[in-house]
Amino acid sequence: MIKILSAEWIKTKRTPIKWVVFLTPILYSLVITWYYSSKTIDLSTEISVFQIFFEVWTIIFIPIGAGLFSGFMIYQEELAGKFNGLLISKLPRLKLYLGKLIILIFLTTLSIFIGTFILIIGLNYVIHVPVSISIFIMAAIVTALSTIPLLAFHLWISLAWGMGASIGVGGGGLLIAALMGTNLGNMVWKYIPWAWPVRISTLPAIYLLNLSEKEIGYAVQQNAAGAVCALVFLIIMLAGGIKWFEKWEGRKVYN
């Protein structure tokens, strides 16, 4: 499995993927740091930073990134002999599929943590805006975990229909995530894949708010229900995607 992961990592060289993974979170975090460097600091600043950083990240960057990363990864296989590398490989299809998914998870998680750490350093140690390191890191962890079902979904789409379909679905997911982040999604967000990163990432923020025990219990209960739905969806995507991929014979590629 290590060899497969190493090969998948090498395939990302000289591609836009690494530039997006590293530069996007750095630039985004620096912009936020610059913005708050000229703001008056008060008790609500940490909450404001948390909301802006994670809401924009989960509403915009995750849907687009999931579609782009998985789509471009499979597009490379199209260019390299029209999927011959996958179709004639003697390695188990299961390992090939999981290898691509693990690299997608790694790239997405890496991007999230780069952005989070740059933000923490910029705020705490450069412009001296105190934010809780543990809460922001916990939010980054749950954001990464809640993104995994989307990555499994987009990997299947990319193999079946190509990069254009994956990016298109990601664009539609952006709109859905934006809606689910409002009060309109309060009743249904638990069943919407693009809403999971948006909603679940806010769970650590309950420690920044002056909430009652009843409100905290309700927030935890709602997020737990969303997490269960996300886990069920992930299992379905993994089981269905792997079974489908084991019988996959490629698709027509148009030059």
C-alpha atoms as a PDB file:
ATOM      1  CA  MET A   1       0.000   0.000   0.000  1.00  0.00           C
ATOM      2  CA  ILE A   2       2.933   2.314   0.741  1.00  0.00           C
ATOM      3  CA  LYS A   3       4.167   1.928  -2.840  1.00  0.00           C
ATOM      4  CA  ILE A   4       0.732   2.816  -4.193  1.00  0.00           C
ATOM      5  CA  LEU A   5       0.529   5.934  -2.011  1.00  0.00           C
ATOM      6  CA  SER A   6       4.050   6.918  -3.014  1.00  0.00           C
ATOM      7  CA  ALA A   7       3.162   6.527  -6.695  1.00  0.00           C
ATOM      8  CA  GLU A   8      -0.001   8.601  -6.266  1.00  0.00           C
ATOM      9  CA  TRP A   9       1.981  11.330  -4.507  1.00  0.00           C
ATOM     10  CA  ILE A  10       4.557  11.398  -7.298  1.00  0.00           C
ATOM     11  CA  LYS A  11       1.744  11.828  -9.829  1.00  0.00           C
ATOM     12  CA  THR A  12       0.849  15.146  -8.197  1.00  0.00           C
ATOM     13  CA  LYS A  13       4.256  16.594  -9.074  1.00  0.00           C
ATOM     14  CA  ARG A  14       4.270  19.330 -11.676  1.00  0.00           C
ATOM     15  CA  THR A  15       0.506  19.667 -11.379  1.00  0.00           C
ATOM     16  CA  PRO A  16      -1.613  22.576 -10.104  1.00  0.00           C
ATOM     17  CA  ILE A  17      -2.836  20.416  -7.215  1.00  0.00           C
ATOM     18  CA  LYS A  18       0.152  21.050  -4.946  1.00  0.00           C
ATOM     19  CA  TRP A  19       0.074  24.777  -5.681  1.00  0.00           C
ATOM     20  CA  VAL A  20      -3.598  24.905  -4.707  1.00  0.00           C
ATOM     21  CA  VAL A  21      -3.034  22.804  -1.578  1.00  0.00           C
ATOM     22  CA  PHE A  22      -0.226  25.001  -0.256  1.00  0.00           C
ATOM     23  CA  LEU A  23      -0.899  28.485  -1.583  1.00  0.00           C
ATOM     24  CA  THR A  24      -4.675  28.739  -1.093  1.00  0.00           C
ATOM     25  CA  PRO A  25      -4.692  28.281   2.698  1.00  0.00           C
ATOM     26  CA  ILE A  26      -1.610  30.471   3.162  1.00  0.00           C
ATOM     27  CA  LEU A  27      -3.052  33.362   1.183  1.00  0.00           C
ATOM     28  CA  TYR A  28      -6.486  32.994   2.755  1.00  0.00           C
ATOM     29  CA  SER A  29      -5.114  32.994   6.298  1.00  0.00           C
ATOM     30  CA  LEU A  30      -2.842  35.961   5.577  1.00  0.00           C
ATOM     31  CA  VAL A  31      -5.780  37.952   4.215  1.00  0.00           C
ATOM     32  CA  ILE A  32      -7.782  37.287   7.391  1.00  0.00           C
ATOM     33  CA  THR A  33      -4.793  38.189   9.554  1.00  0.00           C
ATOM     34  CA  TRP A  34      -4.306  41.437   7.637  1.00  0.00           C
ATOM     35  CA  TYR A  35      -7.996  42.273   7.931  1.00  0.00           C
ATOM     36  CA  TYR A  36      -8.036  41.897  11.719  1.00  0.00           C
ATOM     37  CA  SER A  37      -4.753  43.772  12.128  1.00  0.00           C
ATOM     38  CA  SER A  38      -6.674  47.026  11.613  1.00  0.00           C
ATOM     39  CA  LYS A  39      -9.737  46.073  13.661  1.00  0.00           C
ATOM     40  CA  THR A  40     -10.531  46.944  17.242  1.00  0.00           C
ATOM     41  CA  ILE A  41     -10.073  43.853  19.393  1.00  0.00           C
ATOM     42  CA  ASP A  42     -12.809  42.896  21.858  1.00  0.00           C
ATOM     43  CA  LEU A  43     -14.379  39.782  23.384  1.00  0.00           C
ATOM     44  CA  SER A  44     -16.265  38.956  20.178  1.00  0.00           C
ATOM     45  CA  THR A  45     -13.181  38.999  17.932  1.00  0.00           C
ATOM     46  CA  GLU A  46     -12.261  35.342  18.430  1.00  0.00           C
ATOM     47  CA  ILE A  47     -15.787  34.228  17.576  1.00  0.00           C
ATOM     48  CA  SER A  48     -15.786  36.461  14.511  1.00  0.00           C
ATOM     49  CA  VAL A  49     -12.464  35.060  13.294  1.00  0.00           C
ATOM     50  CA  PHE A  50     -13.665  31.492  13.854  1.00  0.00           C
ATOM     51  CA  GLN A  51     -16.886  32.048  11.932  1.00  0.00           C
ATOM     52  CA  ILE A  52     -15.262  33.809   8.974  1.00  0.00           C
ATOM     53  CA  PHE A  53     -12.419  31.330   8.606  1.00  0.00           C
ATOM     54  CA  PHE A  54     -14.363  28.084   8.873  1.00  0.00           C
ATOM     55  CA  GLU A  55     -17.589  29.233   7.193  1.00  0.00           C
ATOM     56  CA  VAL A  56     -15.825  30.505   4.084  1.00  0.00           C
ATOM     57  CA  TRP A  57     -13.547  27.461   4.029  1.00  0.00           C
ATOM     58  CA  THR A  58     -16.384  24.940   4.293  1.00  0.00           C
ATOM     59  CA  ILE A  59     -18.814  26.771   2.026  1.00  0.00           C
ATOM     60  CA  ILE A  60     -16.434  27.707  -0.810  1.00  0.00           C
ATOM     61  CA  PHE A  61     -13.105  25.913  -0.650  1.00  0.00           C
ATOM     62  CA  ILE A  62     -14.250  22.419   0.314  1.00  0.00           C
ATOM     63  CA  PRO A  63     -16.935  21.892  -2.385  1.00  0.00           C
ATOM     64  CA  ILE A  64     -14.714  23.353  -5.120  1.00  0.00           C
ATOM     65  CA  GLY A  65     -11.590  21.637  -3.800  1.00  0.00           C
ATOM     66  CA  ALA A  66     -13.244  18.219  -3.559  1.00  0.00           C
ATOM     67  CA  GLY A  67     -14.405  18.490  -7.161  1.00  0.00           C
ATOM     68  CA  LEU A  68     -11.102  19.876  -8.429  1.00  0.00           C
ATOM     69  CA  PHE A  69      -8.703  17.549  -6.602  1.00  0.00           C
ATOM     70  CA  SER A  70     -10.519  14.314  -7.414  1.00  0.00           C
ATOM     71  CA  GLY A  71     -11.333  15.417 -10.953  1.00  0.00           C
ATOM     72  CA  PHE A  72      -7.758  16.379 -11.774  1.00  0.00           C
ATOM     73  CA  MET A  73      -6.371  13.194 -10.227  1.00  0.00           C
ATOM     74  CA  ILE A  74      -8.521  11.041 -12.509  1.00  0.00           C
ATOM     75  CA  TYR A  75      -7.902  13.339 -15.479  1.00  0.00           C
ATOM     76  CA  GLN A  76      -4.222  12.471 -15.195  1.00  0.00           C
ATOM     77  CA  GLU A  77      -5.129   8.810 -15.604  1.00  0.00           C
ATOM     78  CA  GLU A  78      -7.072   9.701 -18.741  1.00  0.00           C
ATOM     79  CA  LEU A  79      -4.050  11.441 -20.201  1.00  0.00           C
ATOM     80  CA  ALA A  80      -1.726   8.584 -19.251  1.00  0.00           C
ATOM     81  CA  GLY A  81      -2.891   5.982 -21.747  1.00  0.00           C
ATOM     82  CA  LYS A  82      -6.639   6.415 -21.338  1.00  0.00           C
ATOM     83  CA  PHE A  83      -6.803   4.586 -17.987  1.00  0.00           C
ATOM     84  CA  ASN A  84      -4.549   1.764 -19.147  1.00  0.00           C
ATOM     85  CA  GLY A  85      -2.390   2.218 -16.060  1.00  0.00           C
ATOM     86  CA  LEU A  86      -5.375   1.381 -13.881  1.00  0.00           C
ATOM     87  CA  LEU A  87      -7.038  -1.203 -16.082  1.00  0.00           C
ATOM     88  CA  ILE A  88      -3.998  -3.407 -16.739  1.00  0.00           C
ATOM     89  CA  SER A  89      -2.412  -3.072 -13.309  1.00  0.00           C
ATOM     90  CA  LYS A  90      -1.821  -6.353 -11.485  1.00  0.00           C
ATOM     91  CA  LEU A  91      -2.435  -4.664  -8.136  1.00  0.00           C
ATOM     92  CA  PRO A  92      -5.789  -5.291  -6.439  1.00  0.00           C
ATOM     93  CA  ARG A  93      -8.444  -2.824  -7.521  1.00  0.00           C
ATOM     94  CA  LEU A  94      -9.322  -2.291  -3.862  1.00  0.00           C
ATOM     95  CA  LYS A  95      -5.832  -0.962  -3.088  1.00  0.00           C
ATOM     96  CA  LEU A  96      -5.775   1.223  -6.198  1.00  0.00           C
ATOM     97  CA  TYR A  97      -9.096   2.808  -5.278  1.00  0.00           C
ATOM     98  CA  LEU A  98      -8.204   3.327  -1.628  1.00  0.00           C
ATOM     99  CA  GLY A  99      -4.804   4.697  -2.626  1.00  0.00           C
ATOM    100  CA  LYS A 100      -6.411   7.512  -4.582  1.00  0.00           C
ATOM    101  CA  LEU A 101      -8.923   8.226  -1.826  1.00  0.00           C
ATOM    102  CA  ILE A 102      -6.229   8.330   0.876  1.00  0.00           C
ATOM    103  CA  ILE A 103      -4.159  10.804  -1.152  1.00  0.00           C
ATOM    104  CA  LEU A 104      -7.256  12.975  -1.623  1.00  0.00           C
ATOM    105  CA  ILE A 105      -7.891  12.894   2.120  1.00  0.00           C
ATOM    106  CA  PHE A 106      -4.255  13.709   2.827  1.00  0.00           C
ATOM    107  CA  LEU A 107      -4.165  16.676   0.443  1.00  0.00           C
ATOM    108  CA  THR A 108      -7.431  18.105   1.764  1.00  0.00           C
ATOM    109  CA  THR A 109      -6.448  17.630   5.411  1.00  0.00           C
ATOM    110  CA  LEU A 110      -3.016  19.134   4.773  1.00  0.00           C
ATOM    111  CA  SER A 111      -4.585  22.208   3.208  1.00  0.00           C
ATOM    112  CA  ILE A 112      -6.988  22.672   6.134  1.00  0.00           C
ATOM    113  CA  PHE A 113      -4.231  22.411   8.720  1.00  0.00           C
ATOM    114  CA  ILE A 114      -1.842  24.696   6.853  1.00  0.00           C
ATOM    115  CA  GLY A 115      -4.521  27.381   6.796  1.00  0.00           C
ATOM    116  CA  THR A 116      -5.404  26.847  10.461  1.00  0.00           C
ATOM    117  CA  PHE A 117      -1.809  26.979  11.716  1.00  0.00           C
ATOM    118  CA  ILE A 118      -0.945  30.041   9.620  1.00  0.00           C
ATOM    119  CA  LEU A 119      -4.031  31.776  11.000  1.00  0.00           C
ATOM    120  CA  ILE A 120      -3.184  30.865  14.604  1.00  0.00           C
ATOM    121  CA  ILE A 121       0.412  32.054  14.229  1.00  0.00           C
ATOM    122  CA  GLY A 122      -0.598  35.242  12.457  1.00  0.00           C
ATOM    123  CA  LEU A 123      -3.240  36.169  15.016  1.00  0.00           C
ATOM    124  CA  ASN A 124      -1.566  35.088  18.263  1.00  0.00           C
ATOM    125  CA  TYR A 125       2.036  35.974  17.559  1.00  0.00           C
ATOM    126  CA  VAL A 126       2.070  38.614  14.817  1.00  0.00           C
ATOM    127  CA  ILE A 127      -0.860  40.944  15.428  1.00  0.00           C
ATOM    128  CA  HIS A 128      -1.462  39.715  18.999  1.00  0.00           C
ATOM    129  CA  VAL A 129      -5.126  38.796  18.677  1.00  0.00           C
ATOM    130  CA  PRO A 130      -5.592  35.996  21.234  1.00  0.00           C
ATOM    131  CA  VAL A 131      -7.406  32.918  19.911  1.00  0.00           C
ATOM    132  CA  SER A 132      -7.724  29.479  21.468  1.00  0.00           C
ATOM    133  CA  ILE A 133      -5.279  27.155  19.723  1.00  0.00           C
ATOM    134  CA  SER A 134      -6.991  23.963  20.921  1.00  0.00           C
ATOM    135  CA  ILE A 135     -10.447  25.039  19.721  1.00  0.00           C
ATOM    136  CA  PHE A 136      -9.204  26.036  16.265  1.00  0.00           C
ATOM    137  CA  ILE A 137      -7.245  22.797  15.885  1.00  0.00           C
ATOM    138  CA  MET A 138     -10.253  20.756  17.006  1.00  0.00           C
ATOM    139  CA  ALA A 139     -12.378  22.583  14.433  1.00  0.00           C
ATOM    140  CA  ALA A 140      -9.791  21.776  11.760  1.00  0.00           C
ATOM    141  CA  ILE A 141      -9.916  18.085  12.728  1.00  0.00           C
ATOM    142  CA  VAL A 142     -13.699  17.797  12.578  1.00  0.00           C
ATOM    143  CA  THR A 143     -13.736  19.776   9.322  1.00  0.00           C
ATOM    144  CA  ALA A 144     -11.286  17.331   7.756  1.00  0.00           C
ATOM    145  CA  LEU A 145     -13.225  14.302   9.015  1.00  0.00           C
ATOM    146  CA  SER A 146     -16.580  15.632   7.781  1.00  0.00           C
ATOM    147  CA  THR A 147     -15.066  16.225   4.330  1.00  0.00           C
ATOM    148  CA  ILE A 148     -14.093  12.571   3.767  1.00  0.00           C
ATOM    149  CA  PRO A 149     -17.582  11.435   2.591  1.00  0.00           C
ATOM    150  CA  LEU A 150     -17.546  14.200  -0.046  1.00  0.00           C
ATOM    151  CA  LEU A 151     -14.141  13.087  -1.298  1.00  0.00           C
ATOM    152  CA  ALA A 152     -15.345   9.483  -1.652  1.00  0.00           C
ATOM    153  CA  PHE A 153     -18.382  10.749  -3.541  1.00  0.00           C
ATOM    154  CA  HIS A 154     -16.324  12.899  -5.920  1.00  0.00           C
ATOM    155  CA  LEU A 155     -13.787  10.154  -6.581  1.00  0.00           C
ATOM    156  CA  TRP A 156     -16.573   7.907  -7.844  1.00  0.00           C
ATOM    157  CA  ILE A 157     -18.032  10.716  -9.960  1.00  0.00           C
ATOM    158  CA  SER A 158     -14.628  11.529 -11.449  1.00  0.00           C
ATOM    159  CA  LEU A 159     -13.987   7.944 -12.489  1.00  0.00           C
ATOM    160  CA  ALA A 160     -17.458   7.479 -13.911  1.00  0.00           C
ATOM    161  CA  TRP A 161     -17.981  10.813 -15.673  1.00  0.00           C
ATOM    162  CA  GLY A 162     -14.758  12.783 -15.612  1.00  0.00           C
ATOM    163  CA  MET A 163     -13.293  16.004 -14.271  1.00  0.00           C
ATOM    164  CA  GLY A 164     -15.976  18.251 -15.747  1.00  0.00           C
ATOM    165  CA  ALA A 165     -18.730  16.401 -13.913  1.00  0.00           C
ATOM    166  CA  SER A 166     -16.798  16.443 -10.646  1.00  0.00           C
ATOM    167  CA  ILE A 167     -16.132  20.188 -10.797  1.00  0.00           C
ATOM    168  CA  GLY A 168     -19.731  20.832 -11.878  1.00  0.00           C
ATOM    169  CA  VAL A 169     -21.091  18.884  -8.930  1.00  0.00           C
ATOM    170  CA  GLY A 170     -18.669  20.767  -6.679  1.00  0.00           C
ATOM    171  CA  GLY A 171     -20.016  24.073  -7.992  1.00  0.00           C
ATOM    172  CA  GLY A 172     -23.534  22.961  -7.237  1.00  0.00           C
ATOM    173  CA  GLY A 173     -22.376  21.811  -3.819  1.00  0.00           C
ATOM    174  CA  LEU A 174     -21.072  25.318  -3.127  1.00  0.00           C
ATOM    175  CA  LEU A 175     -24.558  26.743  -3.589  1.00  0.00           C
ATOM    176  CA  ILE A 176     -26.091  24.014  -1.435  1.00  0.00           C
ATOM    177  CA  ALA A 177     -23.492  24.547   1.300  1.00  0.00           C
ATOM    178  CA  ALA A 178     -24.226  28.280   1.300  1.00  0.00           C
ATOM    179  CA  LEU A 179     -27.932  27.595   1.782  1.00  0.00           C
ATOM    180  CA  MET A 180     -27.360  24.940   4.426  1.00  0.00           C
ATOM    181  CA  GLY A 181     -25.253  27.397   6.401  1.00  0.00           C
ATOM    182  CA  THR A 182     -28.317  29.570   6.955  1.00  0.00           C
ATOM    183  CA  ASN A 183     -31.477  28.965   8.944  1.00  0.00           C
ATOM    184  CA  LEU A 184     -33.013  27.409   5.829  1.00  0.00           C
ATOM    185  CA  GLY A 185     -30.950  24.296   6.439  1.00  0.00           C
ATOM    186  CA  ASN A 186     -31.770  23.787  10.101  1.00  0.00           C
ATOM    187  CA  MET A 187     -34.187  20.930   9.470  1.00  0.00           C
ATOM    188  CA  VAL A 188     -32.440  19.077   6.650  1.00  0.00           C
ATOM    189  CA  TRP A 189     -28.714  19.737   6.891  1.00  0.00           C
ATOM    190  CA  LYS A 190     -28.048  16.364   8.534  1.00  0.00           C
ATOM    191  CA  TYR A 191     -28.956  14.618   5.275  1.00  0.00           C
ATOM    192  CA  ILE A 192     -26.999  16.888   2.886  1.00  0.00           C
ATOM    193  CA  PRO A 193     -23.333  15.923   2.251  1.00  0.00           C
ATOM    194  CA  TRP A 194     -22.186  19.483   1.500  1.00  0.00           C
ATOM    195  CA  ALA A 195     -23.724  20.738   4.736  1.00  0.00           C
ATOM    196  CA  TRP A 196     -21.726  18.411   6.994  1.00  0.00           C
ATOM    197  CA  PRO A 197     -18.421  20.350   6.905  1.00  0.00           C
ATOM    198  CA  VAL A 198     -20.296  23.655   7.295  1.00  0.00           C
ATOM    199  CA  ARG A 199     -22.332  22.595  10.302  1.00  0.00           C
ATOM    200  CA  ILE A 200     -20.069  20.101  12.072  1.00  0.00           C
ATOM    201  CA  SER A 201     -17.063  22.440  11.943  1.00  0.00           C
ATOM    202  CA  THR A 202     -18.951  24.849  14.213  1.00  0.00           C
ATOM    203  CA  LEU A 203     -19.212  22.350  17.082  1.00  0.00           C
ATOM    204  CA  PRO A 204     -15.968  23.425  18.846  1.00  0.00           C
ATOM    205  CA  ALA A 205     -17.248  27.011  18.777  1.00  0.00           C
ATOM    206  CA  ILE A 206     -19.750  26.190  21.526  1.00  0.00           C
ATOM    207  CA  TYR A 207     -16.856  26.660  23.949  1.00  0.00           C
ATOM    208  CA  LEU A 208     -16.462  30.251  22.740  1.00  0.00           C
ATOM    209  CA  LEU A 209     -20.096  31.116  23.362  1.00  0.00           C
ATOM    210  CA  ASN A 210     -21.898  31.672  26.615  1.00  0.00           C
ATOM    211  CA  LEU A 211     -24.372  28.828  26.141  1.00  0.00           C
ATOM    212  CA  SER A 212     -26.521  27.075  28.680  1.00  0.00           C
ATOM    213  CA  GLU A 213     -26.156  23.343  29.323  1.00  0.00           C
ATOM    214  CA  LYS A 214     -29.392  22.741  27.456  1.00  0.00           C
ATOM    215  CA  GLU A 215     -28.135  24.639  24.382  1.00  0.00           C
ATOM    216  CA  ILE A 216     -24.816  22.806  24.460  1.00  0.00           C
ATOM    217  CA  GLY A 217     -26.595  19.456  24.739  1.00  0.00           C
ATOM    218  CA  TYR A 218     -28.833  20.288  21.792  1.00  0.00           C
ATOM    219  CA  ALA A 219     -25.854  21.383  19.643  1.00  0.00           C
ATOM    220  CA  VAL A 220     -23.961  18.183  20.462  1.00  0.00           C
ATOM    221  CA  GLN A 221     -27.032  16.063  19.728  1.00  0.00           C
ATOM    222  CA  GLN A 222     -27.604  17.716  16.349  1.00  0.00           C
ATOM    223  CA  ASN A 223     -23.972  17.386  15.319  1.00  0.00           C
ATOM    224  CA  ALA A 224     -23.900  13.753  16.454  1.00  0.00           C
ATOM    225  CA  ALA A 225     -26.916  13.033  14.245  1.00  0.00           C
ATOM    226  CA  GLY A 226     -25.172  14.713  11.315  1.00  0.00           C
ATOM    227  CA  ALA A 227     -22.004  12.718  11.990  1.00  0.00           C
ATOM    228  CA  VAL A 228     -23.957   9.451  11.923  1.00  0.00           C
ATOM    229  CA  CYS A 229     -25.519  10.383   8.569  1.00  0.00           C
ATOM    230  CA  ALA A 230     -22.071  11.286   7.229  1.00  0.00           C
ATOM    231  CA  LEU A 231     -20.655   7.938   8.373  1.00  0.00           C
ATOM    232  CA  VAL A 232     -23.496   5.990   6.746  1.00  0.00           C
ATOM    233  CA  PHE A 233     -23.028   7.939   3.515  1.00  0.00           C
ATOM    234  CA  LEU A 234     -19.272   7.267   3.596  1.00  0.00           C
ATOM    235  CA  ILE A 235     -19.831   3.529   4.026  1.00  0.00           C
ATOM    236  CA  ILE A 236     -22.254   3.513   1.092  1.00  0.00           C
ATOM    237  CA  MET A 237     -19.844   5.471  -1.102  1.00  0.00           C
ATOM    238  CA  LEU A 238     -16.918   3.229  -0.200  1.00  0.00           C
ATOM    239  CA  ALA A 239     -18.776  -0.052  -0.607  1.00  0.00           C
ATOM    240  CA  GLY A 240     -20.524   1.025  -3.808  1.00  0.00           C
ATOM    241  CA  GLY A 241     -17.488   2.730  -5.309  1.00  0.00           C
ATOM    242  CA  ILE A 242     -15.112  -0.145  -4.640  1.00  0.00           C
ATOM    243  CA  LYS A 243     -17.531  -2.782  -5.946  1.00  0.00           C
ATOM    244  CA  TRP A 244     -18.181  -0.696  -9.056  1.00  0.00           C
ATOM    245  CA  PHE A 245     -14.465  -0.041  -9.623  1.00  0.00           C
ATOM    246  CA  GLU A 246     -13.608  -3.742  -9.409  1.00  0.00           C
ATOM    247  CA  LYS A 247     -15.797  -4.357 -12.472  1.00  0.00           C
ATOM    248  CA  TRP A 248     -14.988  -1.092 -14.240  1.00  0.00           C
ATOM    249  CA  GLU A 249     -13.554  -1.423 -17.730  1.00  0.00           C
ATOM    250  CA  GLY A 250     -12.902   2.235 -18.374  1.00  0.00           C
ATOM    251  CA  ARG A 251     -14.960   4.808 -20.212  1.00  0.00           C
ATOM    252  CA  LYS A 252     -14.737   6.443 -23.581  1.00  0.00           C
ATOM    253  CA  VAL A 253     -12.267   9.321 -23.602  1.00  0.00           C
ATOM    254  CA  TYR A 254     -12.728  12.070 -26.165  1.00  0.00           C
ATOM    255  CA  ASN A 255      -9.556  13.666 -27.498  1.00  0.00           C
END
